């Protein structure tokens, strides 16, 4: 998991394995082992070095946020990226929230109606 997070962020930053390893002052082979999840338990110091180069918080690399909850699944991140790519601006998200809330309400209505029909 940590390795996948590092690799994705490295690619997003446009860095090669060698560039990240050099900037973090760790060996390329060690970084490669982390990214391929061969070393699934790198030290906190190593993760902090990598995080600093990638410009992210240590917790992001280990897959938790400040409250200790897991970060969103890749499926959600892809969905958000699709929204961005389709031209949806951040200030438009409230409009979409309204649509989502309506869809949730509608699903609940359908479930409730299904339960009522079964009871009759």
N, C-alpha and C. Protein backbone atom coordinates (compact mmCIF):
# COMPACT_ATOMS: atom_id res chain seq x y z
N UNK A 1 0.82 -1.19 0.00
CA UNK A 1 0.00 0.00 0.00
C UNK A 1 0.87 1.26 0.00
N UNK A 2 1.84 1.31 0.88
CA UNK A 2 2.73 2.47 0.92
C UNK A 2 3.46 2.61 -0.41
N UNK A 3 3.94 1.47 -0.92
CA UNK A 3 4.66 1.48 -2.18
C UNK A 3 3.81 2.00 -3.33
N UNK A 4 2.55 1.57 -3.37
CA UNK A 4 1.64 2.03 -4.41
C UNK A 4 1.43 3.53 -4.32
N UNK A 5 1.25 4.04 -3.10
CA UNK A 5 1.05 5.48 -2.90
C UNK A 5 2.26 6.27 -3.36
N UNK A 6 3.44 5.79 -3.01
CA UNK A 6 4.67 6.48 -3.40
C UNK A 6 4.79 6.50 -4.93
N UNK A 7 4.56 5.34 -5.54
CA UNK A 7 4.70 5.26 -6.99
C UNK A 7 3.72 6.18 -7.72
N UNK A 8 2.47 6.20 -7.28
CA UNK A 8 1.47 7.06 -7.90
C UNK A 8 1.86 8.53 -7.77
N UNK A 9 2.27 8.93 -6.58
CA UNK A 9 2.67 10.32 -6.38
C UNK A 9 3.91 10.68 -7.18
N UNK A 10 4.84 9.74 -7.24
CA UNK A 10 6.06 9.99 -8.02
C UNK A 10 5.71 10.22 -9.48
N UNK A 11 4.82 9.39 -10.00
CA UNK A 11 4.41 9.55 -11.41
C UNK A 11 3.70 10.88 -11.62
N UNK A 12 2.82 11.24 -10.67
CA UNK A 12 2.10 12.52 -10.78
C UNK A 12 3.06 13.70 -10.78
N UNK A 13 4.16 13.57 -10.06
CA UNK A 13 5.14 14.65 -9.98
C UNK A 13 6.10 14.63 -11.15
N UNK A 14 6.01 13.58 -11.97
CA UNK A 14 6.88 13.48 -13.14
C UNK A 14 8.31 13.12 -12.80
N UNK A 15 8.49 12.40 -11.70
CA UNK A 15 9.84 12.02 -11.28
C UNK A 15 10.13 10.58 -11.65
N UNK A 16 11.36 10.33 -12.02
CA UNK A 16 11.79 8.95 -12.24
C UNK A 16 12.16 8.35 -10.89
N UNK A 17 12.31 7.04 -10.88
CA UNK A 17 12.73 6.35 -9.66
C UNK A 17 14.08 6.89 -9.19
N UNK A 18 14.99 7.08 -10.14
CA UNK A 18 16.33 7.59 -9.81
C UNK A 18 16.28 8.99 -9.23
N UNK A 19 15.45 9.85 -9.83
CA UNK A 19 15.34 11.23 -9.33
C UNK A 19 14.82 11.27 -7.90
N UNK A 20 13.76 10.51 -7.63
CA UNK A 20 13.21 10.50 -6.28
C UNK A 20 14.22 9.94 -5.29
N UNK A 21 14.86 8.85 -5.66
CA UNK A 21 15.85 8.23 -4.77
C UNK A 21 17.00 9.21 -4.48
N UNK A 22 17.50 9.87 -5.50
CA UNK A 22 18.60 10.83 -5.31
C UNK A 22 18.18 11.97 -4.39
N UNK A 23 17.01 12.54 -4.67
CA UNK A 23 16.55 13.68 -3.87
C UNK A 23 16.24 13.29 -2.42
N UNK A 24 15.78 12.05 -2.23
CA UNK A 24 15.47 11.59 -0.87
C UNK A 24 16.70 11.03 -0.17
N UNK A 25 17.79 10.94 -0.93
CA UNK A 25 19.06 10.41 -0.40
C UNK A 25 18.91 8.97 0.12
N UNK A 26 18.25 8.15 -0.72
CA UNK A 26 18.15 6.72 -0.45
C UNK A 26 18.54 5.99 -1.73
N UNK A 27 18.87 4.72 -1.63
CA UNK A 27 19.28 4.00 -2.83
C UNK A 27 18.09 3.72 -3.73
N UNK A 28 18.40 3.69 -5.02
CA UNK A 28 17.37 3.43 -6.02
C UNK A 28 16.77 2.04 -5.82
N UNK A 29 17.60 1.06 -5.51
CA UNK A 29 17.10 -0.30 -5.32
C UNK A 29 16.18 -0.40 -4.10
N UNK A 30 16.52 0.35 -3.04
CA UNK A 30 15.68 0.34 -1.84
C UNK A 30 14.31 0.97 -2.14
N UNK A 31 14.32 2.08 -2.87
CA UNK A 31 13.07 2.73 -3.26
C UNK A 31 12.25 1.81 -4.16
N UNK A 32 12.91 1.15 -5.08
CA UNK A 32 12.23 0.22 -5.97
C UNK A 32 11.56 -0.90 -5.17
N UNK A 33 12.26 -1.41 -4.18
CA UNK A 33 11.70 -2.47 -3.33
C UNK A 33 10.47 -1.98 -2.55
N UNK A 34 10.52 -0.73 -2.12
CA UNK A 34 9.37 -0.16 -1.40
C UNK A 34 8.19 -0.02 -2.36
N UNK A 35 8.44 0.53 -3.53
CA UNK A 35 7.36 0.74 -4.50
C UNK A 35 6.73 -0.57 -4.95
N UNK A 36 7.54 -1.61 -5.06
CA UNK A 36 7.00 -2.91 -5.50
C UNK A 36 6.46 -3.72 -4.32
N UNK A 37 6.42 -3.09 -3.17
CA UNK A 37 5.91 -3.72 -1.94
C UNK A 37 6.71 -4.94 -1.51
N UNK A 38 7.98 -4.99 -1.92
CA UNK A 38 8.86 -6.04 -1.43
C UNK A 38 9.33 -5.70 -0.01
N UNK A 39 9.45 -4.41 0.24
CA UNK A 39 9.73 -3.91 1.58
C UNK A 39 8.47 -3.16 2.01
N UNK A 40 7.62 -3.80 2.80
CA UNK A 40 6.35 -3.21 3.18
C UNK A 40 6.41 -2.45 4.49
N UNK A 41 7.58 -2.39 5.10
CA UNK A 41 7.69 -1.73 6.39
C UNK A 41 8.94 -0.84 6.46
N UNK A 42 9.02 0.16 5.57
CA UNK A 42 10.18 1.06 5.64
C UNK A 42 10.11 1.92 6.91
N UNK A 43 11.24 2.41 7.34
CA UNK A 43 11.27 3.20 8.57
C UNK A 43 10.55 4.53 8.38
N UNK A 44 10.14 5.11 9.47
CA UNK A 44 9.47 6.41 9.45
C UNK A 44 10.39 7.46 8.84
N UNK A 45 11.69 7.37 9.15
CA UNK A 45 12.64 8.34 8.61
C UNK A 45 12.70 8.28 7.09
N UNK A 46 12.64 7.09 6.54
CA UNK A 46 12.68 6.93 5.07
C UNK A 46 11.40 7.49 4.46
N UNK A 47 10.26 7.16 5.07
CA UNK A 47 8.98 7.66 4.56
C UNK A 47 8.95 9.19 4.62
N UNK A 48 9.48 9.76 5.69
CA UNK A 48 9.51 11.22 5.82
C UNK A 48 10.38 11.85 4.74
N UNK A 49 11.51 11.22 4.42
CA UNK A 49 12.38 11.74 3.35
C UNK A 49 11.65 11.72 2.01
N UNK A 50 10.99 10.61 1.73
CA UNK A 50 10.27 10.49 0.47
C UNK A 50 9.12 11.49 0.41
N UNK A 51 8.38 11.60 1.51
CA UNK A 51 7.25 12.54 1.57
C UNK A 51 7.73 13.97 1.34
N UNK A 52 8.86 14.33 1.92
CA UNK A 52 9.38 15.69 1.75
C UNK A 52 9.67 15.99 0.28
N UNK A 53 10.28 15.04 -0.41
CA UNK A 53 10.59 15.24 -1.82
C UNK A 53 9.32 15.32 -2.66
N UNK A 54 8.33 14.50 -2.32
CA UNK A 54 7.08 14.49 -3.07
C UNK A 54 6.16 15.64 -2.69
N UNK A 55 6.52 16.35 -1.63
CA UNK A 55 5.73 17.51 -1.20
C UNK A 55 4.40 17.14 -0.58
N UNK A 56 4.37 16.00 0.11
CA UNK A 56 3.15 15.56 0.78
C UNK A 56 3.45 15.27 2.24
N UNK A 57 2.39 15.12 3.00
CA UNK A 57 2.52 14.76 4.39
C UNK A 57 2.85 13.28 4.52
N UNK A 58 3.61 12.95 5.51
CA UNK A 58 3.98 11.57 5.83
C UNK A 58 2.74 10.68 5.86
N UNK A 59 1.67 11.16 6.46
CA UNK A 59 0.46 10.36 6.62
C UNK A 59 -0.20 10.01 5.29
N UNK A 60 -0.03 10.86 4.31
CA UNK A 60 -0.60 10.58 3.00
C UNK A 60 0.05 9.35 2.39
N UNK A 61 1.34 9.19 2.58
CA UNK A 61 2.04 8.04 2.01
C UNK A 61 1.62 6.74 2.67
N UNK A 62 1.33 6.79 3.96
CA UNK A 62 0.94 5.56 4.64
C UNK A 62 -0.56 5.30 4.53
N UNK A 63 -1.28 6.23 3.88
CA UNK A 63 -2.67 6.00 3.56
C UNK A 63 -3.66 6.36 4.64
N UNK A 64 -3.30 7.31 5.52
CA UNK A 64 -4.26 7.78 6.52
C UNK A 64 -4.29 9.29 6.50
N UNK A 65 -5.42 9.86 6.93
CA UNK A 65 -5.49 11.31 7.01
C UNK A 65 -5.26 11.74 8.45
N UNK A 66 -5.38 13.01 8.73
CA UNK A 66 -5.06 13.55 10.06
C UNK A 66 -5.95 12.96 11.15
N UNK A 67 -7.17 12.54 10.80
CA UNK A 67 -8.07 11.98 11.80
C UNK A 67 -7.85 10.49 11.98
N UNK A 68 -6.92 9.91 11.23
CA UNK A 68 -6.64 8.49 11.34
C UNK A 68 -7.48 7.64 10.42
N UNK A 69 -8.31 8.25 9.59
CA UNK A 69 -9.14 7.49 8.66
C UNK A 69 -8.36 7.21 7.39
N UNK A 70 -8.73 6.14 6.73
CA UNK A 70 -8.07 5.81 5.48
C UNK A 70 -8.41 6.84 4.43
N UNK A 71 -7.48 7.03 3.51
CA UNK A 71 -7.72 7.92 2.39
C UNK A 71 -8.71 7.28 1.44
N UNK A 72 -9.32 8.08 0.58
CA UNK A 72 -10.31 7.53 -0.34
C UNK A 72 -9.73 6.45 -1.24
N UNK A 73 -10.59 5.51 -1.61
CA UNK A 73 -10.19 4.46 -2.54
C UNK A 73 -9.81 5.07 -3.88
N UNK A 74 -9.03 4.32 -4.62
CA UNK A 74 -8.60 4.79 -5.94
C UNK A 74 -9.81 5.04 -6.84
N UNK A 75 -10.87 4.25 -6.66
CA UNK A 75 -12.08 4.44 -7.47
C UNK A 75 -12.66 5.84 -7.26
N UNK A 76 -12.68 6.31 -6.01
CA UNK A 76 -13.18 7.65 -5.73
C UNK A 76 -12.27 8.72 -6.31
N UNK A 77 -10.98 8.50 -6.18
CA UNK A 77 -10.03 9.47 -6.73
C UNK A 77 -10.17 9.55 -8.25
N UNK A 78 -10.36 8.39 -8.89
CA UNK A 78 -10.57 8.40 -10.34
C UNK A 78 -11.85 9.16 -10.71
N UNK A 79 -12.90 8.97 -9.91
CA UNK A 79 -14.16 9.67 -10.14
C UNK A 79 -13.95 11.18 -10.06
N UNK A 80 -13.26 11.62 -9.04
CA UNK A 80 -13.00 13.05 -8.87
C UNK A 80 -12.17 13.57 -10.03
N UNK A 81 -11.17 12.81 -10.44
CA UNK A 81 -10.35 13.24 -11.57
C UNK A 81 -11.17 13.32 -12.86
N UNK A 82 -12.11 12.38 -13.03
CA UNK A 82 -13.00 12.44 -14.20
C UNK A 82 -13.86 13.70 -14.17
N UNK A 83 -14.35 14.04 -12.98
CA UNK A 83 -15.12 15.28 -12.85
C UNK A 83 -14.28 16.48 -13.27
N UNK A 84 -13.05 16.54 -12.77
CA UNK A 84 -12.17 17.64 -13.12
C UNK A 84 -11.90 17.68 -14.62
N UNK A 85 -11.62 16.49 -15.18
CA UNK A 85 -11.31 16.43 -16.62
C UNK A 85 -12.50 16.83 -17.48
N UNK A 86 -13.72 16.60 -16.96
CA UNK A 86 -14.91 16.95 -17.75
C UNK A 86 -15.27 18.43 -17.62
N UNK A 87 -14.48 19.16 -16.83
CA UNK A 87 -14.69 20.60 -16.73
C UNK A 87 -15.46 21.06 -15.51
N UNK A 88 -15.75 20.15 -14.59
CA UNK A 88 -16.46 20.54 -13.37
C UNK A 88 -15.49 21.28 -12.46
N UNK A 89 -15.85 22.50 -12.10
CA UNK A 89 -15.01 23.31 -11.21
C UNK A 89 -15.41 23.06 -9.76
N UNK A 90 -14.48 23.31 -8.87
CA UNK A 90 -14.73 23.09 -7.44
C UNK A 90 -15.95 23.85 -6.96
N UNK A 91 -16.13 25.06 -7.44
CA UNK A 91 -17.27 25.86 -6.98
C UNK A 91 -18.61 25.33 -7.49
N UNK A 92 -18.58 24.39 -8.40
CA UNK A 92 -19.81 23.78 -8.92
C UNK A 92 -20.21 22.53 -8.14
N UNK A 93 -19.36 22.07 -7.26
CA UNK A 93 -19.63 20.81 -6.56
C UNK A 93 -20.91 20.84 -5.73
N UNK A 94 -21.26 21.98 -5.16
CA UNK A 94 -22.50 22.05 -4.38
C UNK A 94 -23.72 21.71 -5.22
N UNK A 95 -23.69 22.10 -6.49
CA UNK A 95 -24.79 21.76 -7.38
C UNK A 95 -24.89 20.24 -7.54
N UNK A 96 -23.77 19.59 -7.66
CA UNK A 96 -23.75 18.14 -7.81
C UNK A 96 -24.14 17.45 -6.51
N UNK A 97 -23.79 18.05 -5.39
CA UNK A 97 -24.20 17.48 -4.10
C UNK A 97 -25.72 17.42 -4.01
N UNK A 98 -26.38 18.43 -4.52
CA UNK A 98 -27.84 18.47 -4.51
C UNK A 98 -28.39 17.30 -5.32
N UNK A 99 -27.81 17.06 -6.47
CA UNK A 99 -28.25 15.94 -7.32
C UNK A 99 -28.00 14.61 -6.61
N UNK A 100 -26.86 14.48 -5.97
CA UNK A 100 -26.52 13.25 -5.25
C UNK A 100 -27.48 13.04 -4.08
N UNK A 101 -27.76 14.10 -3.34
CA UNK A 101 -28.70 13.99 -2.22
C UNK A 101 -30.08 13.57 -2.71
N UNK A 102 -30.51 14.11 -3.85
CA UNK A 102 -31.79 13.71 -4.41
C UNK A 102 -31.78 12.22 -4.78
N UNK A 103 -30.70 11.77 -5.40
CA UNK A 103 -30.59 10.36 -5.78
C UNK A 103 -30.62 9.46 -4.54
N UNK A 104 -29.94 9.88 -3.48
CA UNK A 104 -29.97 9.10 -2.23
C UNK A 104 -31.38 9.06 -1.66
N UNK A 105 -32.06 10.22 -1.67
CA UNK A 105 -33.42 10.28 -1.16
C UNK A 105 -34.32 9.36 -1.98
N UNK A 106 -34.16 9.42 -3.28
CA UNK A 106 -34.98 8.60 -4.19
C UNK A 106 -34.74 7.11 -3.93
N UNK A 107 -33.49 6.72 -3.75
CA UNK A 107 -33.18 5.32 -3.44
C UNK A 107 -33.82 4.89 -2.13
N UNK A 108 -33.75 5.76 -1.14
CA UNK A 108 -34.39 5.44 0.15
C UNK A 108 -35.89 5.32 0.01
N UNK A 109 -36.50 6.19 -0.81
CA UNK A 109 -37.94 6.11 -1.06
C UNK A 109 -38.29 4.78 -1.71
N UNK A 110 -37.49 4.38 -2.68
CA UNK A 110 -37.74 3.11 -3.36
C UNK A 110 -37.59 1.93 -2.40
N UNK A 111 -36.59 2.00 -1.53
CA UNK A 111 -36.41 0.94 -0.53
C UNK A 111 -37.59 0.90 0.42
N UNK A 112 -37.99 2.08 0.91
CA UNK A 112 -39.12 2.16 1.83
C UNK A 112 -40.40 1.65 1.18
N UNK A 113 -40.63 2.01 -0.07
CA UNK A 113 -41.80 1.54 -0.79
C UNK A 113 -41.75 0.03 -0.98
N UNK A 114 -40.59 -0.49 -1.24
CA UNK A 114 -40.42 -1.94 -1.39
C UNK A 114 -40.73 -2.66 -0.10
N UNK A 115 -40.30 -2.07 1.03
CA UNK A 115 -40.57 -2.67 2.33
C UNK A 115 -42.07 -2.61 2.61
N UNK A 116 -42.71 -1.48 2.29
CA UNK A 116 -44.15 -1.36 2.52
C UNK A 116 -44.93 -2.34 1.67
N UNK A 117 -44.53 -2.52 0.42
CA UNK A 117 -45.23 -3.45 -0.45
C UNK A 117 -45.11 -4.88 0.06
N UNK A 118 -43.94 -5.22 0.58
CA UNK A 118 -43.73 -6.59 1.11
C UNK A 118 -44.57 -6.84 2.34
N UNK A 119 -44.79 -5.79 3.13
CA UNK A 119 -45.57 -5.93 4.37
C UNK A 119 -47.03 -6.15 4.08
N UNK A 120 -47.54 -5.59 2.97
CA UNK A 120 -48.96 -5.67 2.62
C UNK A 120 -49.31 -6.99 2.15
